Protein backbone atom coordinates (compact mmCIF):
# COMPACT_ATOMS: atom_id res chain seq x y z
CA MET A 1 0.00 0.00 0.00
CA THR A 2 1.29 3.45 -0.86
CA ARG A 3 2.13 5.43 2.23
CA LEU A 4 -0.09 8.49 2.72
CA ARG A 5 1.59 11.85 2.58
CA PRO A 6 1.39 13.74 5.89
CA LEU A 7 -1.28 16.19 4.70
CA ALA A 8 -3.44 13.41 3.30
CA ALA A 9 -3.28 11.60 6.62
CA ILE A 10 -4.24 14.77 8.45
CA LEU A 11 -7.19 15.34 6.14
CA LEU A 12 -8.44 11.80 6.70
CA LEU A 13 -8.33 12.34 10.46
CA CYS A 14 -10.17 15.63 10.06
CA VAL A 15 -12.86 14.02 7.93
CA ALA A 16 -13.33 11.25 10.51
CA GLY A 17 -13.57 13.80 13.33
CA ALA A 18 -16.05 15.92 11.42
CA ALA A 19 -18.21 12.88 10.67
CA PHE A 20 -18.28 11.94 14.36
CA ALA A 21 -19.17 15.51 15.31
CA ASP A 22 -22.28 15.33 13.12
CA TRP A 23 -23.78 12.91 15.66
CA LEU A 24 -23.68 15.64 18.29
CA ALA A 25 -26.40 18.22 18.86
CA PRO A 26 -24.50 21.25 20.15
CA ASP A 27 -25.48 24.90 20.03
CA PRO A 28 -25.73 26.79 16.69
CA SER A 29 -22.32 28.47 17.01
CA TYR A 30 -20.65 25.07 17.43
CA ARG A 31 -22.55 23.70 14.43
CA ASP A 32 -21.36 26.69 12.41
CA ALA A 33 -17.75 25.93 13.42
CA GLN A 34 -18.24 22.30 12.37
CA ALA A 35 -19.65 23.45 9.02
CA GLN A 36 -16.67 25.76 8.51
CA LEU A 37 -14.35 22.82 9.14
CA ARG A 38 -16.15 20.64 6.61
CA GLN A 39 -16.02 23.45 4.03
CA ALA A 40 -12.31 24.03 4.71
CA LEU A 41 -11.64 20.31 4.23
CA ARG A 42 -13.38 20.33 0.86
CA ASP A 43 -11.53 23.45 -0.22
CA THR A 44 -8.13 22.06 0.83
CA LEU A 45 -8.42 18.67 -0.89
CA GLY A 46 -6.21 18.85 -3.97
CA HIS A 47 -4.82 22.27 -2.95
CA GLY A 48 -2.35 21.30 -0.26
CA THR A 49 0.33 23.69 -1.49
CA GLU A 50 -1.77 26.85 -1.13
CA PRO A 51 -1.04 28.62 2.18
CA ALA A 52 -4.34 30.55 2.22
CA ARG A 53 -6.41 27.36 2.06
CA LEU A 54 -4.21 25.68 4.65
CA ASP A 55 -4.64 28.69 6.95
CA THR A 56 -8.42 28.45 6.68
CA LEU A 57 -8.29 24.74 7.54
CA GLY A 58 -5.89 25.35 10.41
CA GLN A 59 -8.10 28.07 11.86
CA ALA A 60 -11.18 25.83 11.65
CA LEU A 61 -9.31 23.09 13.53
CA LEU A 62 -7.95 25.52 16.11
CA ARG A 63 -11.40 26.94 16.87
CA LEU A 64 -12.66 23.47 17.71
CA GLY A 65 -9.71 22.76 20.00
CA ARG A 66 -8.10 20.20 17.68
CA PHE A 67 -4.64 21.50 18.39
CA ASP A 68 -2.50 18.60 17.15
CA GLU A 69 -4.14 18.63 13.73
CA ALA A 70 -3.97 22.43 13.60
CA ARG A 71 -0.24 22.34 14.38
CA ALA A 72 0.34 19.88 11.55
CA VAL A 73 -1.60 22.00 9.04
CA TYR A 74 0.03 25.26 10.11
CA GLY A 75 3.44 23.57 10.09
CA ARG A 76 2.89 22.79 6.43
CA THR A 77 1.89 26.42 5.85
CA LEU A 78 5.13 27.69 7.39
CA ALA A 79 7.14 25.26 5.27
CA LEU A 80 5.59 26.91 2.22
CA ALA A 81 5.46 30.51 3.52
CA PRO A 82 7.68 31.12 6.61
CA ALA A 83 6.27 34.63 7.20
CA ASP A 84 2.62 33.57 7.03
CA ALA A 85 0.68 35.74 9.49
CA GLY A 86 -2.06 33.19 10.20
CA ALA A 87 0.38 30.42 11.05
CA ASN A 88 2.49 32.68 13.28
CA ALA A 89 -0.65 33.88 15.06
CA ALA A 90 -1.82 30.30 15.65
CA PHE A 91 1.52 29.06 16.96
CA GLY A 92 1.75 32.22 19.09
CA LYS A 93 -1.64 31.49 20.63
CA LEU A 94 -0.67 27.91 21.41
CA ALA A 95 2.59 29.13 22.99
CA LEU A 96 0.57 31.57 25.09
CA PHE A 97 -1.74 28.77 26.25
CA ALA A 98 1.36 26.74 27.21
CA ASP A 99 2.81 29.76 29.08
CA ARG A 100 5.87 29.93 26.81
CA LEU A 101 5.75 33.70 26.84
CA GLY A 102 8.99 34.56 25.04
CA GLU A 103 8.06 32.34 22.12
CA ALA A 104 4.50 33.67 22.13
CA GLU A 105 5.63 37.30 22.03
CA SER A 106 7.97 36.68 19.10
CA LEU A 107 5.39 34.84 17.01
CA LEU A 108 2.51 37.15 17.81
CA SER A 109 4.59 40.26 17.16
CA ALA A 110 5.37 38.90 13.70
CA ALA A 111 1.68 38.18 13.07
CA VAL A 112 0.63 41.65 14.23
CA ALA A 113 3.28 43.32 12.09
CA ALA A 114 1.86 41.53 9.05
CA GLY A 115 -1.58 43.04 9.71
CA GLY A 116 -4.95 41.33 9.84
CA ASP A 117 -7.61 40.90 12.50
CA LEU A 118 -7.46 41.84 16.18
CA GLU A 119 -7.14 38.32 17.62
CA PRO A 120 -3.31 38.12 17.46
CA LEU A 121 -3.17 41.64 18.90
CA ALA A 122 -5.35 40.54 21.81
CA ASP A 123 -3.09 37.52 22.37
CA LEU A 124 -0.01 39.75 22.26
CA TYR A 125 -1.66 42.07 24.81
CA ALA A 126 -2.27 39.11 27.13
CA THR A 127 1.33 37.96 26.64
CA LEU A 128 2.76 41.35 27.58
CA LEU A 129 0.54 41.57 30.65
CA ARG A 130 1.64 38.15 31.83
CA ARG A 131 5.28 39.10 31.30
CA GLY A 132 4.85 42.31 33.28
CA ALA A 133 5.62 44.50 30.25
CA TYR A 134 3.01 47.01 31.38
CA ALA A 135 4.28 50.04 29.46
CA ARG A 136 4.09 48.17 26.16
CA ALA A 137 0.70 46.73 27.07
CA ALA A 138 -0.56 50.27 27.78
CA GLU A 139 0.23 51.19 24.17
CA LEU A 140 -1.97 48.36 22.90
CA ALA A 141 -4.89 48.81 25.31
CA PRO A 142 -6.76 51.54 23.33
CA LYS A 143 -6.58 49.43 20.16
CA LEU A 144 -8.38 46.62 22.00
CA ASN A 145 -11.17 48.76 23.44
CA ASP A 146 -9.53 48.74 26.86
CA PRO A 147 -8.47 52.42 27.26
CA GLY A 148 -9.72 52.51 30.85
CA ARG A 149 -6.87 50.29 31.90
CA VAL A 150 -4.09 52.59 30.67
CA PRO A 151 -3.67 54.61 33.92
CA MET A 152 -3.49 51.35 35.88
CA LEU A 153 -0.87 49.90 33.52
CA ASP A 154 1.18 53.09 33.68
CA TYR A 155 1.12 52.82 37.48
CA LEU A 156 2.14 49.16 37.44
CA ALA A 157 5.05 49.96 35.13
CA GLU A 158 6.45 52.13 37.94
CA HIS A 159 5.26 49.97 40.85
CA PRO A 160 5.65 46.23 40.13
CA PRO A 161 2.56 44.48 41.53
CA TYR A 162 2.25 41.73 44.13
CA ARG A 163 5.57 42.48 45.81
CA VAL A 164 6.01 40.18 48.82
CA THR A 165 7.67 42.46 51.36
CA ALA A 166 7.45 40.35 54.53
CA GLY A 167 6.49 36.95 55.81
CA PRO A 168 7.56 33.31 56.00
CA ASP A 169 8.56 31.00 53.16
CA GLU A 170 5.41 28.98 53.82
CA ALA A 171 2.09 30.26 55.12
CA LYS A 172 -1.13 28.51 56.08
CA VAL A 173 -4.45 30.31 56.30
CA ARG A 174 -7.52 28.62 57.78
CA TRP A 175 -10.72 29.34 55.90
CA SER A 176 -13.38 31.19 57.80
CA LYS A 177 -15.96 29.33 55.73
CA GLY A 178 -15.75 26.71 52.99
CA TYR A 179 -19.18 26.83 51.38
CA PRO A 180 -20.76 28.11 49.14
CA VAL A 181 -17.38 29.75 48.43
CA PRO A 182 -14.07 29.57 50.34
CA LEU A 183 -13.65 32.66 52.55
CA VAL A 184 -10.48 33.76 54.34
CA ARG A 185 -9.73 36.58 56.75
CA VAL A 186 -7.12 39.08 55.62
CA LYS A 187 -6.03 42.61 56.41
CA LEU A 188 -6.81 45.03 53.60
CA ASN A 189 -4.75 48.18 54.17
CA GLY A 190 -4.74 47.26 57.85
CA HIS A 191 -8.50 46.54 58.11
CA SER A 192 -9.60 43.00 59.01
CA VAL A 193 -12.04 41.77 56.34
CA LEU A 194 -13.35 38.59 54.72
CA MET A 195 -12.42 37.81 51.12
CA ALA A 196 -13.34 34.92 48.84
CA LEU A 197 -10.80 32.73 47.02
CA ASP A 198 -11.42 32.50 43.29
CA THR A 199 -8.97 31.16 40.72
CA GLY A 200 -11.32 32.62 38.11
CA SER A 201 -10.70 36.24 39.06
CA ARG A 202 -7.78 37.99 37.37
CA ASP A 203 -6.69 40.17 40.29
CA LEU A 204 -8.47 41.40 43.41
CA ILE A 205 -12.10 42.43 43.31
CA VAL A 206 -13.09 44.81 46.11
CA ASP A 207 -16.54 45.88 47.22
CA ALA A 208 -17.18 49.58 46.65
CA SER A 209 -18.07 50.39 50.26
CA SER A 210 -15.12 48.36 51.58
CA SER A 211 -12.78 50.22 49.24
CA ARG A 212 -13.80 53.50 50.88
CA VAL A 213 -13.45 52.18 54.43
CA CYS A 214 -10.04 50.65 53.63
CA ASP A 215 -8.86 53.72 51.70
CA VAL A 216 -8.03 51.78 48.54
CA LYS A 217 -6.18 53.84 45.92
CA MET A 218 -8.67 54.51 43.11
CA MET A 219 -7.82 55.00 39.45
CA SER A 220 -9.76 57.31 37.18
CA LEU A 221 -11.28 54.87 34.67
CA LYS A 222 -13.15 51.56 34.39
CA THR A 223 -12.43 48.29 32.62
CA LEU A 224 -14.07 44.89 32.12
CA VAL A 225 -12.95 41.79 34.02
CA PHE A 226 -14.01 38.17 33.60
CA TRP A 227 -15.59 36.93 36.81
CA ASP A 228 -18.41 34.55 37.69
CA GLY A 229 -18.87 33.56 34.06
CA ALA A 230 -19.28 37.01 32.52
CA ARG A 231 -17.57 40.36 31.94
CA VAL A 232 -18.12 42.79 34.81
CA ALA A 233 -17.38 46.53 34.66
CA VAL A 234 -15.08 47.55 37.53
CA GLN A 235 -13.31 50.72 38.61
CA ASN A 236 -9.55 50.25 38.41
CA ALA A 237 -7.79 50.52 41.76
CA VAL A 238 -4.70 49.45 43.70
CA VAL A 239 -4.73 47.84 47.15
CA GLN A 240 -1.62 49.27 48.76
CA ARG A 241 -1.15 46.41 51.26
CA LEU A 242 -2.70 43.02 51.87
CA GLU A 243 -1.74 40.70 54.74
CA LEU A 244 -2.67 37.02 55.04
CA GLY A 245 -1.04 34.17 56.91
CA GLY A 246 1.82 36.40 58.05
CA LEU A 247 2.62 37.43 54.48
CA THR A 248 2.54 41.06 53.36
CA LEU A 249 2.02 41.98 49.72
CA GLU A 250 2.07 45.48 48.27
CA ASP A 251 0.55 47.19 45.24
CA LEU A 252 -2.09 44.67 44.26
CA PRO A 253 -4.15 45.60 41.17
CA ALA A 254 -7.88 45.51 41.83
CA GLY A 255 -11.29 46.21 40.40
CA VAL A 256 -13.93 47.92 42.54
CA VAL A 257 -17.62 47.10 42.14
CA GLY A 258 -20.66 46.88 44.39
CA LEU A 259 -20.78 43.39 45.96
CA ARG A 260 -23.51 43.83 48.58
CA LYS A 261 -26.11 41.57 46.93
CA TRP A 262 -23.48 38.97 46.02
CA SER A 263 -22.18 39.04 49.61
CA LEU A 264 -25.68 38.42 50.96
CA GLU A 265 -25.92 35.33 48.75
CA VAL A 266 -22.55 33.79 49.67
CA ASN A 267 -22.46 34.78 53.36
CA PRO A 268 -26.07 35.44 54.40
CA GLN A 269 -26.86 36.98 57.77
CA ALA A 270 -23.16 37.32 58.54
CA GLU A 271 -20.23 39.65 58.02
CA PRO A 272 -20.14 41.24 54.55
CA VAL A 273 -17.55 39.86 52.15
CA ALA A 274 -15.18 42.67 51.20
CA GLY A 275 -13.92 41.16 47.97
CA VAL A 276 -12.21 38.38 46.08
CA ILE A 277 -8.60 37.17 45.90
CA GLY A 278 -7.81 36.06 42.36
CA LEU A 279 -5.22 34.14 40.40
CA GLY A 280 -2.81 37.09 40.21
CA LEU A 281 -1.95 36.69 43.89
CA LEU A 282 -1.93 32.89 43.79
CA ARG A 283 0.57 32.95 40.91
CA GLN A 284 3.16 34.49 43.22
CA PHE A 285 3.29 31.23 45.19
CA THR A 286 2.81 27.50 44.90
CA ALA A 287 -0.74 27.56 46.18
CA THR A 288 -2.65 24.67 47.73
CA LEU A 289 -6.40 24.78 48.28
CA ASP A 290 -7.10 22.03 50.79
CA TYR A 291 -10.86 21.49 50.68
CA GLY A 292 -10.72 18.72 53.28
CA GLN A 293 -8.85 20.74 55.91
CA GLN A 294 -10.32 24.05 54.64
CA THR A 295 -6.90 25.66 54.45
CA LEU A 296 -5.02 27.81 51.95
CA GLU A 297 -1.29 27.08 51.81
CA LEU A 298 1.14 29.45 50.10
CA ARG A 299 4.78 28.55 49.42
CA ARG A 300 7.30 30.93 47.95
CA PRO A 301 8.81 29.97 44.57
CA GLY A 302 11.38 27.20 44.85
CA ARG A 303 9.95 25.73 48.03
CA PRO A 304 8.94 22.07 47.62
CA TYR A 305 5.38 21.07 48.34
CA PRO A 306 4.43 17.72 49.87
CA VAL A 307 2.73 15.16 47.64
CA GLY A 308 1.18 12.11 49.21
CA PRO A 309 0.80 8.66 47.63
CA GLY A 310 -1.88 8.35 44.99
CA ALA A 311 -1.77 11.98 43.91
CA GLN A 312 -3.31 12.54 40.48
CA ARG A 313 -2.20 15.18 38.02
CA VAL A 314 -4.41 17.21 35.71
CA PRO A 315 -2.59 19.23 32.99
CA PHE A 316 -3.75 22.80 32.58
CA GLU A 317 -3.26 25.67 30.17
CA LEU A 318 -3.48 29.42 30.70
CA TRP A 319 -5.79 31.08 28.20
CA GLY A 320 -5.78 34.82 27.66
CA GLU A 321 -4.38 36.81 30.51
CA SER A 322 -5.13 34.52 33.44
CA GLU A 323 -7.73 31.83 32.73
CA LEU A 324 -6.66 28.47 34.13
CA THR A 325 -8.13 25.90 31.75
CA VAL A 326 -8.42 22.10 31.89
CA TYR A 327 -10.07 19.51 29.66
CA GLY A 328 -12.86 17.18 30.59
CA SER A 329 -16.28 15.87 29.68
CA LEU A 330 -19.78 16.28 31.08
CA ASN A 331 -22.06 13.24 31.31
CA GLY A 332 -19.85 11.22 28.95
CA GLY A 333 -20.00 13.81 26.16
CA ARG A 334 -17.29 15.24 23.93
CA ARG A 335 -14.00 16.67 25.15
CA MET A 336 -14.51 20.19 26.47
CA ALA A 337 -12.30 23.04 27.67
CA LEU A 338 -13.33 24.16 31.18
CA VAL A 339 -12.02 27.25 32.97
CA VAL A 340 -11.29 26.62 36.66
CA GLN A 341 -13.10 29.19 38.83
CA SER A 342 -13.06 28.16 42.47
CA GLY A 343 -15.36 30.98 43.54
CA VAL A 344 -18.56 30.18 41.66
CA ALA A 345 -20.94 29.76 44.54
CA GLY A 346 -22.36 26.38 45.47
CA CYS A 347 -21.43 24.26 42.47
CA GLY A 348 -18.89 21.97 40.86
CA VAL A 349 -19.59 22.76 37.22
CA ALA A 350 -21.42 25.46 35.28
CA ALA A 351 -22.20 25.95 31.61
CA PRO A 352 -24.64 27.62 29.23
CA SER A 353 -27.96 25.81 28.91
CA ALA A 354 -27.17 24.83 25.30
CA VAL A 355 -24.03 22.98 26.41
CA LEU A 356 -25.89 21.10 29.14
CA ASP A 357 -28.76 20.33 26.76
CA GLU A 358 -26.18 18.78 24.41
CA VAL A 359 -25.15 16.24 27.06
CA GLY A 360 -28.71 15.54 28.18
CA VAL A 361 -28.69 17.56 31.41
CA LYS A 362 -31.83 19.57 32.03
CA ALA A 363 -33.21 21.34 35.07
CA GLY A 364 -36.19 19.92 36.92
CA ARG A 365 -39.30 21.97 37.58
CA MET A 366 -38.33 22.88 41.15
CA ALA A 367 -34.75 23.71 40.18
CA ARG A 368 -36.00 26.51 37.96
CA LEU A 369 -37.03 28.37 41.09
CA ILE A 370 -33.45 28.41 42.41
CA LYS A 371 -31.07 31.19 41.44
CA GLY A 372 -27.30 31.34 41.80
CA ALA A 373 -25.34 34.01 43.65
CA GLY A 374 -23.66 35.14 40.44
CA SER A 375 -26.98 35.90 38.79
CA VAL A 376 -27.12 39.11 40.82
CA LEU A 377 -24.10 40.28 38.80
CA GLN A 378 -25.21 39.07 35.39
CA GLY A 379 -28.81 40.16 35.73
CA ARG A 380 -30.29 36.85 34.63
CA PRO A 381 -31.19 33.74 36.65
CA TRP A 382 -29.09 30.62 36.86
CA THR A 383 -30.84 27.28 37.14
CA ALA A 384 -29.68 24.50 39.46
CA VAL A 385 -28.88 21.16 37.79
CA THR A 386 -27.16 17.90 38.69
CA VAL A 387 -24.66 16.54 36.18
CA PRO A 388 -24.58 12.71 36.42
CA ASN A 389 -20.81 12.58 35.97
CA VAL A 390 -17.93 14.94 35.29
CA ALA A 391 -14.51 13.64 34.16
CA VAL A 392 -11.40 15.84 34.19
CA GLY A 393 -8.13 14.13 33.33
CA PRO A 394 -7.93 11.07 35.62
CA LEU A 395 -10.59 12.47 37.97
CA LEU A 396 -14.21 11.36 37.88
CA ARG A 397 -16.99 12.58 40.12
CA GLU A 398 -20.64 11.60 40.00
CA LYS A 399 -23.78 13.63 40.70
CA VAL A 400 -22.07 17.00 40.54
CA ALA A 401 -24.08 20.09 41.52
CA GLY A 402 -24.11 22.64 38.74
CA TRP A 403 -25.56 25.85 37.36
CA SER A 404 -27.14 26.15 33.93
CA GLY A 405 -26.66 29.59 32.41
CA ALA A 406 -23.72 30.60 34.59
CA LEU A 407 -21.28 31.05 31.69
CA ASP A 408 -22.22 33.83 29.31
CA ASP A 409 -22.65 32.68 25.70
CA SER A 410 -20.25 35.41 24.56
CA GLU A 411 -17.46 33.69 26.50
CA LEU A 412 -17.65 30.45 24.52
CA TRP A 413 -15.35 31.76 21.76
CA ARG A 414 -13.61 34.54 23.69
CA HIS A 415 -10.08 33.43 22.80
CA GLY A 416 -10.83 32.17 19.31
CA VAL A 417 -11.05 28.60 20.62
CA ARG A 418 -14.13 26.86 21.93
CA ARG A 419 -14.57 26.47 25.67
CA ASP A 420 -17.75 25.14 27.18
CA GLY A 421 -17.98 25.62 30.90
CA ILE A 422 -16.63 26.34 34.35
CA LEU A 423 -15.14 23.87 36.81
CA SER A 424 -15.65 25.05 40.38
CA HIS A 425 -14.83 24.10 43.95
CA ASP A 426 -17.51 21.49 44.58
CA PHE A 427 -15.87 19.20 42.02
CA PHE A 428 -12.81 19.10 44.32
CA ARG A 429 -14.85 18.57 47.50
CA ASP A 430 -12.76 17.03 50.34
CA GLN A 431 -9.64 16.99 48.15
CA ARG A 432 -6.34 18.82 48.27
CA VAL A 433 -5.46 20.78 45.12
CA THR A 434 -2.00 22.24 44.47
CA ILE A 435 -1.30 24.48 41.46
CA ASP A 436 2.09 23.42 40.12
CA TRP A 437 3.07 26.36 37.93
CA GLY A 438 6.34 24.78 36.81
CA ARG A 439 4.74 21.63 35.39
CA HIS A 440 1.40 23.26 34.54
CA GLU A 441 -0.55 20.68 36.47
CA LEU A 442 -3.15 20.57 39.18
CA VAL A 443 -1.95 18.03 41.74
CA VAL A 444 -5.04 16.49 43.33
CA GLU A 445 -4.87 14.32 46.44
CA GLY A 446 -7.65 12.48 48.22
CA LYS A 447 -10.52 10.31 47.05
CA PRO A 448 -13.35 11.99 45.15
């Protein structure tokens, strides 16, 4: 038998994948992406030396999260046209997801210089922000409809954020409450307050009234942040000092917004919650969220963390500026990208209703009367559901509490690649989860 050329083999795999996808019943935007892939396959057959057609096929594969096939197609494009903007943008995005920031900046800069759409510019913006190149990021912000962030970025260029100025090499902080969201006690500019832990928040989020009491440094303009499944408009600010577990951090970027209604949902008839601690702070340490012992552990870079026997590892990627993303499936369905947001109240998984409908999960009549805490931010109700099983890497949990409607539909394609839902704290109930930044893995200990 004649050996297939590499492109022919790739096309056969794509055709097989597209045929399997036709058995699914996803939302219209996913069906459109499937149709674009089928059209790109037809257009590429017999034209495997034309970079433009290969780019279209590669983009269709990338949008559906079929990264290995996209790499192969774009690799062929670069062999034919080394300066191809589409291929450089795609490889730059994948390097950004893998946290290879130097490589991502080089590739994305080349793609942006060649002109085209805004997606590679947005990826370059995220790359610069992750690298701490705030002055350069400030130059790009107005081009990406984010002018409100410029004063903040100018400030951070002069005052590097999240500086650890005092404290031990290892700190342990007992949670004040573990459900429906983890809450810890901290000192915010010297004031003792409660804050939630949420890996889905970019930086700090501070309640408007608490910001005044704690004399938080306010910036002049607003920006949008991704939190609780949607974009929320916040006033840019800087928390001058935050203390937790004996550690002191200075100049923490923050967004200020009214949280009174949200606080009443997550901590009813108790002390108001002053805000949220996000991934920006946790990235300064090797962080462990111990759901069994209800403890946050923070270790300075280079300090080893203990791993018990039977620990399981879940690879993760970082999408955009700070969105920790893993892969899994809901109720035995297709492979899905899920952003890990530990602060979505009272659930283990959340997704738009169309995604849950696809895997046969629907709300019961009584569940429709229940609303989630985050709905007070988004202005629309969430519906309680139970997902029969959720698999993430080697982890499997059954009868997982969830929210239907908690991820805004506009977020499904935010980074040019499909993602389908949110993985939250209840999935990790009673387990110990360490974020290993060096290996890009969640290290999970304990039985589900």
